[in-house]
Structures are given as C-alpha cells and as structure tokens.
Amino acid sequence: MPPKFKRHLNDDEVTGSVKSERRNLLEEDSDEEEDFFLRGPSGPRFGPRNEKIRHVQNQVDEVIDVMQENITKVIERGERLDDLQDKSESLSDNATAFSNRAKQLRRQMWWRGCKV
C-alpha cells in the first residue's frame, strides 16, 4: 500500500469513534424494532422467552460443570496411569535383575557341586 494511504490510528481514535457511534445509535429516537436490535429484549412481551433462555442457559452451565469435572478426572487418571507405568517399569527392571542374579547363583552352586 502506498505511504500516502497509510494512516496510523491510535486506540483513542478507534475506540472513541465506536463509543460515539454507539451513543448516537442508542440516543436517537427509534422505533421498537431498532430498539430491540440495539438494546436486546425487554419488557413483559419477552418474559416467557427470557425464561426459556434462562432455563437453557442453566442446562448449559450444568453441562459445563459436568464436563469440567470429567476433564479433571481424566487428568487425574492420566497421572495415575503414569505412576502405574513407572511402577511396572521398576518392577520389570527388578525382575530382570533378580533373574540374572538367580542364574549367576545357580552357576556358582553348580561349580561348587562339581568341585565337591
């Protein structure tokens, strides 16, 4: 882009324009439909709908809580599996060492029996 078209805006210019635009939209006299889209539903007309939305939001919150608990349990299970794997590797190493030592002792005893 050519330099003459580049303009560096600071944050105040950008956020200030957005704030003033929002203020102008909200302060202007508008009909009910525009008011609904700018401010959201309000009044008794939207009461049952708000109740349904609140009910669905509560269900979503419950599902989020359950999923967070499940994730925590999966992480804990993974940690336990890591510990179990470490213990099994240690046990395998000890079993190999025991087997080697047993073979060595058996050979020693065999030679001792041959000498006698």
C-alpha atoms as a PDB file:
ATOM      1  CA  MET A   1       0.000   0.000   0.000  1.00  0.00           C
ATOM      2  CA  PRO A   2       1.467   3.427  -0.866  1.00  0.00           C
ATOM      3  CA  PRO A   3       2.547   5.523   2.117  1.00  0.00           C
ATOM      4  CA  LYS A   4       0.065   8.294   1.406  1.00  0.00           C
ATOM      5  CA  PHE A   5      -2.803   5.853   2.040  1.00  0.00           C
ATOM      6  CA  LYS A   6      -1.378   4.514   5.265  1.00  0.00           C
ATOM      7  CA  ARG A   7      -2.653   6.238   8.351  1.00  0.00           C
ATOM      8  CA  HIS A   8      -1.750   5.156  11.816  1.00  0.00           C
ATOM      9  CA  LEU A   9      -4.664   5.427  14.229  1.00  0.00           C
ATOM     10  CA  ASN A  10      -4.192   5.405  17.917  1.00  0.00           C
ATOM     11  CA  ASP A  11      -6.502   3.488  20.236  1.00  0.00           C
ATOM     12  CA  ASP A  12      -8.363   6.618  21.388  1.00  0.00           C
ATOM     13  CA  GLU A  13      -9.423   7.473  17.852  1.00  0.00           C
ATOM     14  CA  VAL A  14     -10.701   3.956  17.180  1.00  0.00           C
ATOM     15  CA  THR A  15     -12.481   3.347  20.483  1.00  0.00           C
ATOM     16  CA  GLY A  16     -13.728   6.923  20.662  1.00  0.00           C
ATOM     17  CA  SER A  17     -15.411   6.656  17.291  1.00  0.00           C
ATOM     18  CA  VAL A  18     -17.001   3.338  18.231  1.00  0.00           C
ATOM     19  CA  LYS A  19     -18.259   4.755  21.518  1.00  0.00           C
ATOM     20  CA  SER A  20     -19.667   7.876  19.899  1.00  0.00           C
ATOM     21  CA  GLU A  21     -21.319   5.827  17.163  1.00  0.00           C
ATOM     22  CA  ARG A  22     -22.905   3.531  19.739  1.00  0.00           C
ATOM     23  CA  ARG A  23     -24.060   6.517  21.776  1.00  0.00           C
ATOM     24  CA  ASN A  24     -25.610   8.124  18.693  1.00  0.00           C
ATOM     25  CA  LEU A  25     -27.420   4.902  17.811  1.00  0.00           C
ATOM     26  CA  LEU A  26     -28.784   4.439  21.315  1.00  0.00           C
ATOM     27  CA  GLU A  27     -29.754   8.080  21.933  1.00  0.00           C
ATOM     28  CA  GLU A  28     -31.630   8.607  18.673  1.00  0.00           C
ATOM     29  CA  ASP A  29     -35.381   8.167  18.728  1.00  0.00           C
ATOM     30  CA  SER A  30     -36.026   4.822  17.116  1.00  0.00           C
ATOM     31  CA  ASP A  31     -38.895   2.504  16.577  1.00  0.00           C
ATOM     32  CA  GLU A  32     -39.399  -0.672  18.595  1.00  0.00           C
ATOM     33  CA  GLU A  33     -37.638  -2.972  16.113  1.00  0.00           C
ATOM     34  CA  GLU A  34     -34.421  -0.941  16.075  1.00  0.00           C
ATOM     35  CA  ASP A  35     -34.572  -0.647  19.849  1.00  0.00           C
ATOM     36  CA  PHE A  36     -34.804  -4.425  20.115  1.00  0.00           C
ATOM     37  CA  PHE A  37     -31.688  -4.957  17.999  1.00  0.00           C
ATOM     38  CA  LEU A  38     -29.658  -2.293  19.783  1.00  0.00           C
ATOM     39  CA  ARG A  39     -30.614  -2.983  23.388  1.00  0.00           C
ATOM     40  CA  GLY A  40     -31.924  -6.525  23.359  1.00  0.00           C
ATOM     41  CA  PRO A  41     -35.260  -7.888  24.515  1.00  0.00           C
ATOM     42  CA  SER A  42     -37.009  -6.175  27.395  1.00  0.00           C
ATOM     43  CA  GLY A  43     -40.443  -5.771  28.870  1.00  0.00           C
ATOM     44  CA  PRO A  44     -43.229  -8.263  29.629  1.00  0.00           C
ATOM     45  CA  ARG A  45     -43.541  -9.218  25.965  1.00  0.00           C
ATOM     46  CA  PHE A  46     -40.293 -11.168  26.193  1.00  0.00           C
ATOM     47  CA  GLY A  47     -40.850 -12.683  29.655  1.00  0.00           C
ATOM     48  CA  PRO A  48     -41.562 -16.323  28.678  1.00  0.00           C
ATOM     49  CA  ARG A  49     -38.809 -16.251  26.108  1.00  0.00           C
ATOM     50  CA  ASN A  50     -36.352 -14.984  28.722  1.00  0.00           C
ATOM     51  CA  GLU A  51     -37.454 -17.823  30.991  1.00  0.00           C
ATOM     52  CA  LYS A  52     -36.741 -20.365  28.256  1.00  0.00           C
ATOM     53  CA  ILE A  53     -33.371 -18.785  27.554  1.00  0.00           C
ATOM     54  CA  ARG A  54     -32.562 -18.784  31.273  1.00  0.00           C
ATOM     55  CA  HIS A  55     -33.590 -22.457  31.511  1.00  0.00           C
ATOM     56  CA  VAL A  56     -31.398 -23.400  28.546  1.00  0.00           C
ATOM     57  CA  GLN A  57     -28.520 -21.334  29.966  1.00  0.00           C
ATOM     58  CA  ASN A  58     -28.846 -23.193  33.285  1.00  0.00           C
ATOM     59  CA  GLN A  59     -28.698 -26.505  31.438  1.00  0.00           C
ATOM     60  CA  VAL A  60     -25.624 -25.343  29.523  1.00  0.00           C
ATOM     61  CA  ASP A  61     -23.985 -24.279  32.796  1.00  0.00           C
ATOM     62  CA  GLU A  62     -24.694 -27.706  34.301  1.00  0.00           C
ATOM     63  CA  VAL A  63     -23.193 -29.440  31.290  1.00  0.00           C
ATOM     64  CA  ILE A  64     -20.124 -27.193  31.511  1.00  0.00           C
ATOM     65  CA  ASP A  65     -19.694 -28.116  35.185  1.00  0.00           C
ATOM     66  CA  VAL A  66     -20.002 -31.838  34.409  1.00  0.00           C
ATOM     67  CA  MET A  67     -17.502 -31.563  31.558  1.00  0.00           C
ATOM     68  CA  GLN A  68     -15.016 -29.705  33.764  1.00  0.00           C
ATOM     69  CA  GLU A  69     -15.321 -32.462  36.376  1.00  0.00           C
ATOM     70  CA  ASN A  70     -14.823 -35.092  33.664  1.00  0.00           C
ATOM     71  CA  ILE A  71     -11.729 -33.332  32.368  1.00  0.00           C
ATOM     72  CA  THR A  72     -10.324 -33.138  35.892  1.00  0.00           C
ATOM     73  CA  LYS A  73     -10.974 -36.861  36.387  1.00  0.00           C
ATOM     74  CA  VAL A  74      -9.319 -37.703  33.056  1.00  0.00           C
ATOM     75  CA  ILE A  75      -6.241 -35.691  34.021  1.00  0.00           C
ATOM     76  CA  GLU A  76      -6.070 -37.434  37.410  1.00  0.00           C
ATOM     77  CA  ARG A  77      -6.493 -40.806  35.703  1.00  0.00           C
ATOM     78  CA  GLY A  78      -3.659 -39.958  33.335  1.00  0.00           C
ATOM     79  CA  GLU A  79      -1.427 -39.121  36.287  1.00  0.00           C
ATOM     80  CA  ARG A  80      -2.317 -42.411  37.983  1.00  0.00           C
ATOM     81  CA  LEU A  81      -1.602 -44.300  34.763  1.00  0.00           C
ATOM     82  CA  ASP A  82       1.800 -42.595  34.534  1.00  0.00           C
ATOM     83  CA  ASP A  83       2.559 -43.639  38.121  1.00  0.00           C
ATOM     84  CA  LEU A  84       1.427 -47.193  37.388  1.00  0.00           C
ATOM     85  CA  GLN A  85       3.601 -47.315  34.279  1.00  0.00           C
ATOM     86  CA  ASP A  86       6.628 -46.109  36.276  1.00  0.00           C
ATOM     87  CA  LYS A  87       5.992 -48.760  38.925  1.00  0.00           C
ATOM     88  CA  SER A  88       5.594 -51.515  36.333  1.00  0.00           C
ATOM     89  CA  GLU A  89       8.850 -50.487  34.626  1.00  0.00           C
ATOM     90  CA  SER A  90      10.597 -50.537  38.002  1.00  0.00           C
ATOM     91  CA  LEU A  91       9.138 -53.960  38.774  1.00  0.00           C
ATOM     92  CA  SER A  92      10.249 -55.246  35.361  1.00  0.00           C
ATOM     93  CA  ASP A  93      13.790 -53.960  35.948  1.00  0.00           C
ATOM     94  CA  ASN A  94      13.879 -55.591  39.387  1.00  0.00           C
ATOM     95  CA  ALA A  95      12.582 -58.881  37.954  1.00  0.00           C
ATOM     96  CA  THR A  96      15.295 -58.850  35.279  1.00  0.00           C
ATOM     97  CA  ALA A  97      17.964 -58.131  37.902  1.00  0.00           C
ATOM     98  CA  PHE A  98      16.606 -60.935  40.116  1.00  0.00           C
ATOM     99  CA  SER A  99      16.601 -63.363  37.183  1.00  0.00           C
ATOM    100  CA  ASN A 100      20.204 -62.504  36.283  1.00  0.00           C
ATOM    101  CA  ARG A 101      21.325 -62.835  39.902  1.00  0.00           C
ATOM    102  CA  ALA A 102      19.499 -66.199  40.215  1.00  0.00           C
ATOM    103  CA  LYS A 103      21.263 -67.531  37.075  1.00  0.00           C
ATOM    104  CA  GLN A 104      24.593 -66.362  38.430  1.00  0.00           C
ATOM    105  CA  LEU A 105      23.956 -68.028  41.799  1.00  0.00           C
ATOM    106  CA  ARG A 106      22.814 -71.260  40.121  1.00  0.00           C
ATOM    107  CA  ARG A 107      26.091 -71.392  38.126  1.00  0.00           C
ATOM    108  CA  GLN A 108      28.103 -70.755  41.279  1.00  0.00           C
ATOM    109  CA  MET A 109      26.313 -73.551  43.073  1.00  0.00           C
ATOM    110  CA  TRP A 110      26.807 -75.863  40.073  1.00  0.00           C
ATOM    111  CA  TRP A 111      30.582 -75.189  40.082  1.00  0.00           C
ATOM    112  CA  ARG A 112      30.680 -75.717  43.820  1.00  0.00           C
ATOM    113  CA  GLY A 113      28.903 -79.061  43.349  1.00  0.00           C
ATOM    114  CA  CYS A 114      31.402 -80.025  40.642  1.00  0.00           C
ATOM    115  CA  LYS A 115      34.368 -79.230  42.903  1.00  0.00           C
ATOM    116  CA  VAL A 116      32.966 -81.325  45.702  1.00  0.00           C
END
